[in-house]
C-alpha atoms as a PDB file:
ATOM      1  CA  MET A   1     -90.776   1.163   8.942  1.00  0.00           C
ATOM      2  CA  LEU A   2     -91.638  -1.677   6.494  1.00  0.00           C
ATOM      3  CA  ASP A   3     -89.255  -4.048   5.621  1.00  0.00           C
ATOM      4  CA  VAL A   4     -89.725  -6.500   2.743  1.00  0.00           C
ATOM      5  CA  LEU A   5     -87.762  -9.096   1.648  1.00  0.00           C
ATOM      6  CA  PHE A   6     -88.361 -10.591  -2.137  1.00  0.00           C
ATOM      7  CA  ASP A   7     -87.521 -14.037  -2.634  1.00  0.00           C
ATOM      8  CA  TYR A   8     -87.172 -15.018  -6.763  1.00  0.00           C
ATOM      9  CA  PRO A   9     -85.359 -17.786  -8.038  1.00  0.00           C
ATOM     10  CA  ILE A  10     -82.981 -17.769 -10.767  1.00  0.00           C
ATOM     11  CA  ARG A  11     -82.700 -19.964 -13.690  1.00  0.00           C
ATOM     12  CA  SER A  12     -79.197 -18.937 -15.074  1.00  0.00           C
ATOM     13  CA  GLU A  13     -76.607 -16.587 -13.340  1.00  0.00           C
ATOM     14  CA  GLN A  14     -76.635 -15.260 -17.247  1.00  0.00           C
ATOM     15  CA  SER A  15     -79.474 -13.798 -16.836  1.00  0.00           C
ATOM     16  CA  ARG A  16     -80.285 -10.558 -16.917  1.00  0.00           C
ATOM     17  CA  PHE A  17     -81.798  -8.523 -14.539  1.00  0.00           C
ATOM     18  CA  SER A  18     -84.309  -5.390 -14.842  1.00  0.00           C
ATOM     19  CA  ILE A  19     -86.404  -3.548 -12.051  1.00  0.00           C
ATOM     20  CA  HIS A  20     -89.411  -1.296 -12.276  1.00  0.00           C
ATOM     21  CA  PRO A  21     -90.174   0.166  -9.119  1.00  0.00           C
ATOM     22  CA  ALA A  22     -93.192   1.852  -8.151  1.00  0.00           C
ATOM     23  CA  PHE A  23     -91.944   3.594  -4.783  1.00  0.00           C
ATOM     24  CA  ALA A  24     -93.233   7.148  -5.992  1.00  0.00           C
ATOM     25  CA  ARG A  25     -96.393   7.147  -4.665  1.00  0.00           C
ATOM     26  CA  LEU A  26     -95.387   6.030  -1.434  1.00  0.00           C
ATOM     27  CA  GLY A  27     -94.525   9.728  -0.486  1.00  0.00           C
ATOM     28  CA  LEU A  28     -94.339  12.819  -1.568  1.00  0.00           C
ATOM     29  CA  ARG A  29     -90.163  12.933  -2.553  1.00  0.00           C
ATOM     30  CA  VAL A  30     -88.725   9.712  -2.729  1.00  0.00           C
ATOM     31  CA  VAL A  31     -85.463   8.732  -3.278  1.00  0.00           C
ATOM     32  CA  THR A  32     -84.552   5.324  -3.578  1.00  0.00           C
ATOM     33  CA  VAL A  33     -80.977   3.429  -3.340  1.00  0.00           C
ATOM     34  CA  LEU A  34     -80.558   0.470  -4.814  1.00  0.00           C
ATOM     35  CA  ARG A  35     -77.137  -1.938  -5.087  1.00  0.00           C
ATOM     36  CA  PHE A  36     -76.956  -5.140  -8.080  1.00  0.00           C
ATOM     37  CA  LEU A  37     -74.493  -7.356  -7.560  1.00  0.00           C
ATOM     38  CA  PRO A  38     -73.899  -9.971 -10.400  1.00  0.00           C
ATOM     39  CA  ALA A  39     -72.499 -13.155 -10.586  1.00  0.00           C
ATOM     40  CA  THR A  40     -69.553 -11.858 -12.090  1.00  0.00           C
ATOM     41  CA  GLY A  41     -68.540  -9.754  -8.982  1.00  0.00           C
ATOM     42  CA  GLY A  42     -68.535  -6.565  -8.000  1.00  0.00           C
ATOM     43  CA  VAL A  43     -71.333  -3.909  -6.581  1.00  0.00           C
ATOM     44  CA  ARG A  44     -73.232  -1.528  -9.088  1.00  0.00           C
ATOM     45  CA  ALA A  45     -75.167   1.398  -7.448  1.00  0.00           C
ATOM     46  CA  PHE A  46     -78.354   2.937  -8.577  1.00  0.00           C
ATOM     47  CA  GLU A  47     -79.621   6.028  -7.206  1.00  0.00           C
ATOM     48  CA  PHE A  48     -83.066   7.598  -8.853  1.00  0.00           C
ATOM     49  CA  ASN A  49     -86.264  10.026  -7.508  1.00  0.00           C
ATOM     50  CA  GLY A  50     -89.463   9.351  -7.489  1.00  0.00           C
ATOM     51  CA  ASP A  51     -90.048   6.583 -10.817  1.00  0.00           C
ATOM     52  CA  PRO A  52     -87.526   5.907 -13.495  1.00  0.00           C
ATOM     53  CA  GLY A  53     -89.328   3.553 -15.387  1.00  0.00           C
ATOM     54  CA  LEU A  54     -87.750   0.678 -16.446  1.00  0.00           C
ATOM     55  CA  VAL A  55     -84.067   0.060 -15.157  1.00  0.00           C
ATOM     56  CA  HIS A  56     -82.228  -2.375 -16.981  1.00  0.00           C
ATOM     57  CA  LEU A  57     -79.285  -3.040 -13.789  1.00  0.00           C
ATOM     58  CA  ASP A  58     -77.014  -4.863 -16.143  1.00  0.00           C
ATOM     59  CA  PRO A  59     -78.241  -3.504 -19.757  1.00  0.00           C
ATOM     60  CA  SER A  60     -77.089  -4.581 -22.790  1.00  0.00           C
ATOM     61  CA  TRP A  61     -75.405  -1.621 -25.580  1.00  0.00           C
ATOM     62  CA  ARG A  62     -78.421  -1.680 -27.805  1.00  0.00           C
ATOM     63  CA  GLN A  63     -80.449  -1.036 -24.170  1.00  0.00           C
ATOM     64  CA  SER A  64     -78.116   1.906 -23.321  1.00  0.00           C
ATOM     65  CA  ALA A  65     -78.111   3.565 -26.357  1.00  0.00           C
ATOM     66  CA  ALA A  66     -81.899   3.641 -26.820  1.00  0.00           C
ATOM     67  CA  ARG A  67     -82.196   4.694 -23.552  1.00  0.00           C
ATOM     68  CA  PHE A  68     -79.753   8.009 -24.020  1.00  0.00           C
ATOM     69  CA  VAL A  69     -80.666   8.310 -27.276  1.00  0.00           C
ATOM     70  CA  ASP A  70     -83.954   9.027 -26.211  1.00  0.00           C
ATOM     71  CA  LEU A  71     -82.808  11.075 -23.191  1.00  0.00           C
ATOM     72  CA  GLY A  72     -80.696  13.591 -25.020  1.00  0.00           C
ATOM     73  CA  PHE A  73     -83.313  13.987 -27.959  1.00  0.00           C
ATOM     74  CA  LEU A  74     -85.905  14.958 -24.904  1.00  0.00           C
ATOM     75  CA  HIS A  75     -82.755  17.514 -23.309  1.00  0.00           C
ATOM     76  CA  ILE A  76     -82.085  19.402 -26.439  1.00  0.00           C
ATOM     77  CA  LEU A  77     -86.062  19.942 -26.692  1.00  0.00           C
ATOM     78  CA  ASP A  78     -86.317  20.537 -22.914  1.00  0.00           C
ATOM     79  CA  GLY A  79     -83.489  23.199 -22.566  1.00  0.00           C
ATOM     80  CA  THR A  80     -84.884  26.577 -22.973  1.00  0.00           C
ATOM     81  CA  ASP A  81     -81.574  28.504 -23.097  1.00  0.00           C
ATOM     82  CA  HIS A  82     -80.002  25.555 -25.950  1.00  0.00           C
ATOM     83  CA  LEU A  83     -83.045  26.443 -27.929  1.00  0.00           C
ATOM     84  CA  LEU A  84     -82.342  30.145 -27.745  1.00  0.00           C
ATOM     85  CA  PHE A  85     -78.941  29.810 -28.333  1.00  0.00           C
ATOM     86  CA  LEU A  86     -79.676  27.811 -31.866  1.00  0.00           C
ATOM     87  CA  LEU A  87     -82.202  30.330 -32.479  1.00  0.00           C
ATOM     88  CA  CYS A  88     -79.491  33.071 -32.212  1.00  0.00           C
ATOM     89  CA  LEU A  89     -77.213  31.017 -34.850  1.00  0.00           C
ATOM     90  CA  VAL A  90     -80.044  30.833 -37.632  1.00  0.00           C
ATOM     91  CA  ILE A  91     -81.907  33.459 -37.878  1.00  0.00           C
ATOM     92  CA  PRO A  92     -78.875  35.647 -40.110  1.00  0.00           C
ATOM     93  CA  PHE A  93     -78.453  31.963 -42.310  1.00  0.00           C
ATOM     94  CA  ARG A  94     -81.394  30.236 -42.257  1.00  0.00           C
ATOM     95  CA  ARG A  95     -80.370  27.964 -44.993  1.00  0.00           C
ATOM     96  CA  LEU A  96     -79.190  24.731 -44.450  1.00  0.00           C
ATOM     97  CA  GLY A  97     -76.215  24.757 -46.540  1.00  0.00           C
ATOM     98  CA  ALA A  98     -74.661  27.981 -44.551  1.00  0.00           C
ATOM     99  CA  LEU A  99     -75.704  26.448 -41.181  1.00  0.00           C
ATOM    100  CA  ILE A 100     -73.537  22.908 -41.906  1.00  0.00           C
ATOM    101  CA  PRO A 101     -70.207  24.043 -40.801  1.00  0.00           C
ATOM    102  CA  VAL A 102     -71.592  26.229 -37.797  1.00  0.00           C
ATOM    103  CA  VAL A 103     -74.189  23.157 -36.635  1.00  0.00           C
ATOM    104  CA  THR A 104     -71.068  20.875 -37.159  1.00  0.00           C
ATOM    105  CA  ALA A 105     -68.992  22.765 -35.217  1.00  0.00           C
ATOM    106  CA  PHE A 106     -71.036  22.915 -32.032  1.00  0.00           C
ATOM    107  CA  THR A 107     -72.046  19.369 -31.662  1.00  0.00           C
ATOM    108  CA  ILE A 108     -67.711  18.542 -31.973  1.00  0.00           C
ATOM    109  CA  ALA A 109     -67.487  20.697 -29.367  1.00  0.00           C
ATOM    110  CA  HIS A 110     -69.834  19.881 -27.918  1.00  0.00           C
ATOM    111  CA  SER A 111     -69.853  16.606 -27.826  1.00  0.00           C
ATOM    112  CA  ALA A 112     -65.435  16.976 -26.909  1.00  0.00           C
ATOM    113  CA  ALA A 113     -66.894  18.395 -24.073  1.00  0.00           C
ATOM    114  CA  LEU A 114     -69.380  16.053 -23.605  1.00  0.00           C
ATOM    115  CA  ILE A 115     -66.976  13.230 -23.291  1.00  0.00           C
ATOM    116  CA  ALA A 116     -64.024  15.021 -21.596  1.00  0.00           C
ATOM    117  CA  SER A 117     -66.681  15.680 -18.184  1.00  0.00           C
ATOM    118  CA  ALA A 118     -67.430  12.021 -18.407  1.00  0.00           C
ATOM    119  CA  TYR A 119     -63.997  10.594 -18.193  1.00  0.00           C
ATOM    120  CA  ASN A 120     -63.161  12.857 -15.333  1.00  0.00           C
ATOM    121  CA  LEU A 121     -61.027  15.738 -17.053  1.00  0.00           C
ATOM    122  CA  ALA A 122     -63.418  18.772 -16.763  1.00  0.00           C
ATOM    123  CA  PRO A 123     -62.690  20.771 -12.763  1.00  0.00           C
ATOM    124  CA  ASN A 124     -64.569  19.340  -9.871  1.00  0.00           C
ATOM    125  CA  PHE A 125     -65.277  22.549  -7.862  1.00  0.00           C
ATOM    126  CA  LEU A 126     -68.568  23.742  -6.608  1.00  0.00           C
ATOM    127  CA  TRP A 127     -68.469  26.656  -8.387  1.00  0.00           C
ATOM    128  CA  PHE A 128     -67.715  24.780 -11.712  1.00  0.00           C
ATOM    129  CA  PRO A 129     -71.763  24.146 -12.457  1.00  0.00           C
ATOM    130  CA  PRO A 130     -72.126  27.748 -11.488  1.00  0.00           C
ATOM    131  CA  LEU A 131     -69.916  29.161 -13.669  1.00  0.00           C
ATOM    132  CA  ILE A 132     -70.807  27.274 -16.777  1.00  0.00           C
ATOM    133  CA  GLU A 133     -74.726  27.994 -16.260  1.00  0.00           C
ATOM    134  CA  THR A 134     -73.532  31.719 -16.167  1.00  0.00           C
ATOM    135  CA  LEU A 135     -71.770  31.174 -19.510  1.00  0.00           C
ATOM    136  CA  ILE A 136     -73.880  29.529 -21.273  1.00  0.00           C
ATOM    137  CA  ALA A 137     -76.080  32.334 -20.580  1.00  0.00           C
ATOM    138  CA  ILE A 138     -73.357  35.472 -21.619  1.00  0.00           C
ATOM    139  CA  SER A 139     -72.675  33.150 -24.440  1.00  0.00           C
ATOM    140  CA  ILE A 140     -76.643  33.922 -25.645  1.00  0.00           C
ATOM    141  CA  VAL A 141     -76.834  36.934 -25.281  1.00  0.00           C
ATOM    142  CA  TYR A 142     -73.322  37.995 -27.311  1.00  0.00           C
ATOM    143  CA  MET A 143     -74.675  36.078 -29.552  1.00  0.00           C
ATOM    144  CA  ALA A 144     -78.419  38.363 -29.595  1.00  0.00           C
ATOM    145  CA  LEU A 145     -76.069  41.074 -29.970  1.00  0.00           C
ATOM    146  CA  GLU A 146     -74.109  40.103 -32.285  1.00  0.00           C
ATOM    147  CA  ASN A 147     -77.204  39.540 -34.801  1.00  0.00           C
ATOM    148  CA  ILE A 148     -78.623  43.018 -33.724  1.00  0.00           C
ATOM    149  CA  VAL A 149     -75.050  44.436 -34.792  1.00  0.00           C
ATOM    150  CA  GLY A 150     -74.897  42.480 -38.213  1.00  0.00           C
ATOM    151  CA  GLY A 151     -71.417  41.990 -37.796  1.00  0.00           C
ATOM    152  CA  SER A 152     -71.478  38.113 -38.531  1.00  0.00           C
ATOM    153  CA  SER A 153     -70.255  36.128 -40.951  1.00  0.00           C
ATOM    154  CA  LEU A 154     -69.663  32.383 -41.885  1.00  0.00           C
ATOM    155  CA  GLN A 155     -65.986  32.034 -40.974  1.00  0.00           C
ATOM    156  CA  ARG A 156     -66.702  33.846 -37.891  1.00  0.00           C
ATOM    157  CA  ARG A 157     -69.699  32.549 -37.092  1.00  0.00           C
ATOM    158  CA  TRP A 158     -68.549  28.593 -36.715  1.00  0.00           C
ATOM    159  CA  MET A 159     -65.299  29.241 -35.017  1.00  0.00           C
ATOM    160  CA  ILE A 160     -67.752  31.312 -32.273  1.00  0.00           C
ATOM    161  CA  ALA A 161     -70.006  28.349 -32.409  1.00  0.00           C
ATOM    162  CA  PHE A 162     -67.013  25.574 -31.218  1.00  0.00           C
ATOM    163  CA  CYS A 163     -66.165  27.651 -28.209  1.00  0.00           C
ATOM    164  CA  PHE A 164     -69.800  27.736 -27.181  1.00  0.00           C
ATOM    165  CA  GLY A 165     -70.245  24.670 -27.891  1.00  0.00           C
ATOM    166  CA  LEU A 166     -67.257  23.715 -25.207  1.00  0.00           C
ATOM    167  CA  VAL A 167     -69.403  25.188 -22.788  1.00  0.00           C
ATOM    168  CA  HIS A 168     -72.398  23.971 -23.859  1.00  0.00           C
ATOM    169  CA  GLY A 169     -71.222  20.942 -23.644  1.00  0.00           C
ATOM    170  CA  PHE A 170     -70.570  20.969 -20.027  1.00  0.00           C
ATOM    171  CA  GLY A 171     -73.838  22.167 -18.965  1.00  0.00           C
ATOM    172  CA  PHE A 172     -74.926  18.853 -21.242  1.00  0.00           C
ATOM    173  CA  SER A 173     -73.003  16.702 -18.741  1.00  0.00           C
ATOM    174  CA  PHE A 174     -74.097  18.733 -15.896  1.00  0.00           C
ATOM    175  CA  ALA A 175     -77.895  17.135 -16.799  1.00  0.00           C
ATOM    176  CA  LEU A 176     -75.721  13.457 -18.124  1.00  0.00           C
ATOM    177  CA  ARG A 177     -74.078  12.666 -14.737  1.00  0.00           C
ATOM    178  CA  GLN A 178     -76.908  11.405 -12.816  1.00  0.00           C
ATOM    179  CA  SER A 179     -77.982   9.148 -15.956  1.00  0.00           C
ATOM    180  CA  LEU A 180     -74.876   7.890 -16.214  1.00  0.00           C
ATOM    181  CA  GLN A 181     -75.659   5.224 -13.787  1.00  0.00           C
ATOM    182  CA  PHE A 182     -78.282   3.741 -16.261  1.00  0.00           C
ATOM    183  CA  ALA A 183     -75.229   2.924 -18.824  1.00  0.00           C
ATOM    184  CA  GLY A 184     -73.912  -0.044 -17.412  1.00  0.00           C
ATOM    185  CA  SER A 185     -70.405  -0.983 -19.090  1.00  0.00           C
ATOM    186  CA  HIS A 186     -71.563   0.587 -22.113  1.00  0.00           C
ATOM    187  CA  LEU A 187     -70.130   4.597 -21.036  1.00  0.00           C
ATOM    188  CA  LEU A 188     -68.662   5.272 -24.061  1.00  0.00           C
ATOM    189  CA  THR A 189     -72.421   3.941 -26.072  1.00  0.00           C
ATOM    190  CA  SER A 190     -73.873   5.373 -23.837  1.00  0.00           C
ATOM    191  CA  LEU A 191     -72.062   9.005 -24.512  1.00  0.00           C
ATOM    192  CA  LEU A 192     -72.351   8.755 -28.101  1.00  0.00           C
ATOM    193  CA  SER A 193     -75.752   8.356 -27.659  1.00  0.00           C
ATOM    194  CA  PHE A 194     -76.845  10.962 -26.344  1.00  0.00           C
ATOM    195  CA  ASN A 195     -75.086  13.056 -28.832  1.00  0.00           C
ATOM    196  CA  VAL A 196     -76.996  11.103 -31.392  1.00  0.00           C
ATOM    197  CA  GLY A 197     -80.094  11.770 -29.879  1.00  0.00           C
ATOM    198  CA  VAL A 198     -79.035  15.836 -28.928  1.00  0.00           C
ATOM    199  CA  GLU A 199     -78.171  16.326 -32.704  1.00  0.00           C
ATOM    200  CA  LEU A 200     -81.588  14.817 -33.399  1.00  0.00           C
ATOM    201  CA  GLY A 201     -83.419  17.390 -30.745  1.00  0.00           C
ATOM    202  CA  GLN A 202     -81.292  19.946 -32.978  1.00  0.00           C
ATOM    203  CA  LEU A 203     -81.682  18.597 -36.556  1.00  0.00           C
ATOM    204  CA  LEU A 204     -85.687  18.864 -35.389  1.00  0.00           C
ATOM    205  CA  VAL A 205     -85.780  22.594 -34.431  1.00  0.00           C
ATOM    206  CA  LEU A 206     -83.749  23.613 -37.343  1.00  0.00           C
ATOM    207  CA  VAL A 207     -85.787  21.492 -39.828  1.00  0.00           C
ATOM    208  CA  LEU A 208     -89.302  23.532 -38.150  1.00  0.00           C
ATOM    209  CA  LEU A 209     -87.606  26.724 -37.371  1.00  0.00           C
ATOM    210  CA  ILE A 210     -86.221  27.624 -40.740  1.00  0.00           C
ATOM    211  CA  PRO A 211     -89.290  27.569 -42.203  1.00  0.00           C
ATOM    212  CA  MET A 212     -91.504  29.412 -39.994  1.00  0.00           C
ATOM    213  CA  LEU A 213     -89.556  32.195 -39.826  1.00  0.00           C
ATOM    214  CA  ARG A 214     -89.184  32.098 -43.813  1.00  0.00           C
ATOM    215  CA  LEU A 215     -92.973  32.444 -43.594  1.00  0.00           C
ATOM    216  CA  LEU A 216     -92.815  34.900 -40.395  1.00  0.00           C
ATOM    217  CA  PHE A 217     -90.808  37.190 -42.311  1.00  0.00           C
ATOM    218  CA  ARG A 218     -92.572  36.957 -45.857  1.00  0.00           C
ATOM    219  CA  TYR A 219     -96.137  37.142 -44.625  1.00  0.00           C
ATOM    220  CA  ALA A 220     -96.371  38.211 -41.157  1.00  0.00           C
ATOM    221  CA  VAL A 221     -93.694  40.994 -40.284  1.00  0.00           C
ATOM    222  CA  ALA A 222     -90.597  42.402 -42.203  1.00  0.00           C
ATOM    223  CA  GLU A 223     -87.283  41.043 -41.943  1.00  0.00           C
ATOM    224  CA  ARG A 224     -85.425  43.420 -40.305  1.00  0.00           C
ATOM    225  CA  MET A 225     -88.454  44.422 -37.959  1.00  0.00           C
ATOM    226  CA  GLY A 226     -88.798  40.628 -36.954  1.00  0.00           C
ATOM    227  CA  THR A 227     -85.463  39.908 -36.828  1.00  0.00           C
ATOM    228  CA  SER A 228     -84.329  42.928 -34.115  1.00  0.00           C
ATOM    229  CA  SER A 229     -87.489  42.193 -32.536  1.00  0.00           C
ATOM    230  CA  CYS A 230     -87.129  38.456 -31.645  1.00  0.00           C
ATOM    231  CA  LEU A 231     -83.074  38.916 -30.641  1.00  0.00           C
ATOM    232  CA  ARG A 232     -83.695  42.016 -28.315  1.00  0.00           C
ATOM    233  CA  SER A 233     -86.590  39.964 -26.857  1.00  0.00           C
ATOM    234  CA  VAL A 234     -83.413  36.887 -26.288  1.00  0.00           C
ATOM    235  CA  ALA A 235     -80.946  39.283 -25.403  1.00  0.00           C
ATOM    236  CA  HIS A 236     -83.676  40.847 -22.585  1.00  0.00           C
ATOM    237  CA  THR A 237     -84.250  37.100 -21.472  1.00  0.00           C
ATOM    238  CA  ALA A 238     -80.557  36.241 -21.091  1.00  0.00           C
ATOM    239  CA  TRP A 239     -79.256  38.546 -19.565  1.00  0.00           C
ATOM    240  CA  HIS A 240     -81.281  38.374 -16.271  1.00  0.00           C
ATOM    241  CA  TRP A 241     -80.298  35.278 -16.427  1.00  0.00           C
ATOM    242  CA  MET A 242     -76.980  36.086 -16.800  1.00  0.00           C
ATOM    243  CA  LEU A 243     -77.905  38.264 -13.818  1.00  0.00           C
ATOM    244  CA  ASP A 244     -79.826  35.819 -11.458  1.00  0.00           C
ATOM    245  CA  ARG A 245     -76.857  32.993 -12.651  1.00  0.00           C
ATOM    246  CA  GLY A 246     -74.224  35.210 -11.692  1.00  0.00           C
ATOM    247  CA  HIS A 247     -75.105  35.770  -8.508  1.00  0.00           C
ATOM    248  CA  ILE A 248     -75.596  33.238  -7.536  1.00  0.00           C
ATOM    249  CA  LEU A 249     -72.051  32.006  -8.817  1.00  0.00           C
ATOM    250  CA  ALA A 250     -70.513  35.104  -6.977  1.00  0.00           C
ATOM    251  CA  GLN A 251     -71.548  33.941  -3.492  1.00  0.00           C
ATOM    252  CA  PHE A 252     -68.755  30.730  -4.096  1.00  0.00           C
ATOM    253  CA  ARG A 253     -65.152  32.042  -2.307  1.00  0.00           C
ATOM    254  CA  PHE A 254     -62.739  31.237  -4.761  1.00  0.00           C
ATOM    255  CA  ALA A 255     -58.769  29.695  -3.118  1.00  0.00           C
ATOM    256  CA  TRP A 256     -56.114  29.138  -5.449  1.00  0.00           C
ATOM    257  CA  PRO A 257     -55.393  24.936  -5.344  1.00  0.00           C
ATOM    258  CA  ALA A 258     -52.533  23.751  -3.185  1.00  0.00           C
ATOM    259  CA  PHE A 259     -49.739  22.746  -4.880  1.00  0.00           C
ATOM    260  CA  THR A 260     -50.149  18.943  -4.833  1.00  0.00           C
ATOM    261  CA  THR A 261     -48.746  15.629  -7.500  1.00  0.00           C
ATOM    262  CA  LEU A 262     -52.805  15.660  -8.006  1.00  0.00           C
ATOM    263  CA  LEU A 263     -53.219  19.465  -9.214  1.00  0.00           C
ATOM    264  CA  LEU A 264     -50.475  18.292 -11.251  1.00  0.00           C
ATOM    265  CA  ALA A 265     -51.782  15.151 -13.293  1.00  0.00           C
ATOM    266  CA  SER A 266     -55.408  17.464 -13.354  1.00  0.00           C
ATOM    267  CA  ALA A 267     -53.349  20.348 -15.048  1.00  0.00           C
ATOM    268  CA  LEU A 268     -51.454  17.892 -17.581  1.00  0.00           C
ATOM    269  CA  ARG A 269     -54.718  16.586 -18.380  1.00  0.00           C
ATOM    270  CA  TRP A 270     -55.855  19.072 -18.754  1.00  0.00           C
ATOM    271  CA  LEU A 271     -52.997  20.343 -21.197  1.00  0.00           C
ATOM    272  CA  MET A 272     -53.696  17.398 -23.009  1.00  0.00           C
ATOM    273  CA  LEU A 273     -57.396  18.294 -23.733  1.00  0.00           C
ATOM    274  CA  PHE A 274     -56.179  21.915 -25.343  1.00  0.00           C
ATOM    275  CA  LEU A 275     -53.932  20.139 -27.400  1.00  0.00           C
ATOM    276  CA  PHE A 276     -56.874  17.957 -28.366  1.00  0.00           C
ATOM    277  CA  LEU A 277     -58.880  20.953 -28.920  1.00  0.00           C
ATOM    278  CA  GLY A 278     -56.415  22.641 -30.675  1.00  0.00           C
ATOM    279  CA  VAL A 279     -55.536  20.082 -33.139  1.00  0.00           C
ATOM    280  CA  LEU A 280     -59.125  19.628 -33.794  1.00  0.00           C
ATOM    281  CA  LEU A 281     -60.107  23.228 -34.354  1.00  0.00           C
ATOM    282  CA  TRP A 282     -57.091  23.620 -36.860  1.00  0.00           C
ATOM    283  CA  PHE A 283     -58.521  20.606 -38.926  1.00  0.00           C
ATOM    284  CA  LEU A 284     -62.166  22.686 -38.748  1.00  0.00           C
ATOM    285  CA  GLN A 285     -60.996  25.622 -40.380  1.00  0.00           C
ATOM    286  CA  LYS A 286     -59.255  23.416 -43.046  1.00  0.00           C
ATOM    287  CA  THR A 287     -62.050  21.597 -43.286  1.00  0.00           C
ATOM    288  CA  VAL A 288     -64.416  24.612 -43.523  1.00  0.00           C
ATOM    289  CA  GLN A 289     -62.050  26.337 -46.412  1.00  0.00           C
ATOM    290  CA  ARG A 290     -62.619  23.764 -47.891  1.00  0.00           C
ATOM    291  CA  TRP A 291     -66.025  24.231 -48.022  1.00  0.00           C
ATOM    292  CA  ASN A 292     -66.083  27.778 -48.670  1.00  0.00           C
ATOM    293  CA  ASP A 293     -63.413  27.215 -51.543  1.00  0.00           C
ATOM    294  CA  ARG A 294     -66.358  24.678 -53.414  1.00  0.00           C
ATOM    295  CA  ALA A 295     -69.456  26.067 -52.309  1.00  0.00           C
ATOM    296  CA  PRO A 296     -69.756  28.407 -55.150  1.00  0.00           C
ATOM    297  CA  GLY A 297     -69.986  25.051 -57.935  1.00  0.00           C
ATOM    298  CA  ILE A 298     -72.283  23.538 -54.841  1.00  0.00           C
ATOM    299  CA  GLY A 299     -75.952  23.451 -54.131  1.00  0.00           C
ATOM    300  CA  TRP A 300     -79.097  23.270 -56.286  1.00  0.00           C
ATOM    301  CA  LYS A 301     -79.252  26.590 -58.447  1.00  0.00           C
ATOM    302  CA  ALA A 302     -75.866  26.450 -59.143  1.00  0.00           C
ATOM    303  CA  LEU A 303     -76.421  22.820 -60.525  1.00  0.00           C
ATOM    304  CA  ALA A 304     -79.556  23.755 -61.785  1.00  0.00           C
ATOM    305  CA  ARG A 305     -77.794  26.703 -63.867  1.00  0.00           C
ATOM    306  CA  LYS A 306     -74.703  24.422 -65.001  1.00  0.00           C
ATOM    307  CA  PHE A 307     -77.428  21.658 -66.213  1.00  0.00           C
ATOM    308  CA  ARG A 308     -79.345  24.394 -68.445  1.00  0.00           C
ATOM    309  CA  ILE A 309     -76.064  25.855 -69.960  1.00  0.00           C
ATOM    310  CA  GLY A 310     -75.546  22.437 -71.078  1.00  0.00           C
ATOM    311  CA  VAL A 311     -78.473  21.864 -72.377  1.00  0.00           C
ATOM    312  CA  SER A 312     -78.379  25.315 -74.294  1.00  0.00           C
ATOM    313  CA  SER A 313     -74.814  24.309 -75.365  1.00  0.00           C
ATOM    314  CA  ILE A 314     -75.821  20.775 -76.190  1.00  0.00           C
ATOM    315  CA  ALA A 315     -78.742  22.307 -78.052  1.00  0.00           C
ATOM    316  CA  ARG A 316     -76.686  25.147 -79.830  1.00  0.00           C
ATOM    317  CA  THR A 317     -74.645  22.381 -81.285  1.00  0.00           C
ATOM    318  CA  ALA A 318     -77.233  20.303 -82.618  1.00  0.00           C
ATOM    319  CA  LEU A 319     -78.648  23.272 -84.189  1.00  0.00           C
ATOM    320  CA  SER A 320     -75.862  24.144 -85.998  1.00  0.00           C
ATOM    321  CA  GLY A 321     -75.125  20.794 -86.732  1.00  0.00           C
ATOM    322  CA  ASP A 322     -78.378  20.393 -88.203  1.00  0.00           C
ATOM    323  CA  SER A 323     -78.077  23.848 -90.083  1.00  0.00           C
ATOM    324  CA  GLN A 324     -74.513  22.787 -91.799  1.00  0.00           C
ATOM    325  CA  GLU A 325     -76.393  19.044 -93.323  1.00  0.00           C
ATOM    326  CA  ALA A 326     -79.059  21.540 -94.303  1.00  0.00           C
ATOM    327  CA  GLY A 327     -76.522  23.407 -96.060  1.00  0.00           C
ATOM    328  CA  ARG A 328     -74.538  20.586 -97.360  1.00  0.00           C
ATOM    329  CA  GLY A 329     -78.191  19.518 -98.801  1.00  0.00           C
ATOM    330  CA  ARG A 330     -79.007  22.490-100.202  1.00  0.00           C
END
């Protein structure tokens, strides 16, 4: 046993405190439990494994935002299943303009699910995390098979991305759950910052992935063969994930919950969440429909064609005016 008391003089009770514990070197597995008692009252609890780096015990909103942007960016780059799902979204289109409605629907859906889970609107049963992990694997298998069959369209794809985005949002919340203790009193700011980090990571993946696929299909392998081989590998990997996670899910015993006031309150919260998601889906459908109606007039190629047509018509007008002037001169 090692019992040490550290005594530090405090200049002001408005001071902000932080700690950088290096207790991870004390053992193979070190869990640190920390209680912070601010001058304003209350207790703020921390529990972290290993060395978490610099921990702000009473962070400002800028410190919380910076920490969670970095956390979301690293999480999306480290999540293999989310990256494979993005690959399945990108392969049929490979154009940023066509992917804007799809990625936007996926972003809004997983942001709504993440915020709902952070505010305790998600089920707290033990079987819920394995169910979400299994559904994430199923989403990858479905997207890969749909791309192989070739039945994907922009209208269908963004709606599927919205539905599966809810599932992936709950998956993000599981990774974020242990880190919300570092948010301090800025929960909503931290959630939005985590979403910003996730979107920055997704944008980086899309910016790198789309040119790589174009170069691959242009110089290395035929597009049809390369797409089919890539999607089959993704489907095979996700299929094994689905079986393994489904086996873990099958070990839980499911029982109907007792009808209590707590269950009724939870059902009402879920009803409100589904109503909100329904309104959000309707709004997205109208927005995408307007986007599709304006799509023929949007884009650099269409703009360039209009510009060329305008220049040529002006040139023809100028030439006809010059010929008329020349006729009058004669």
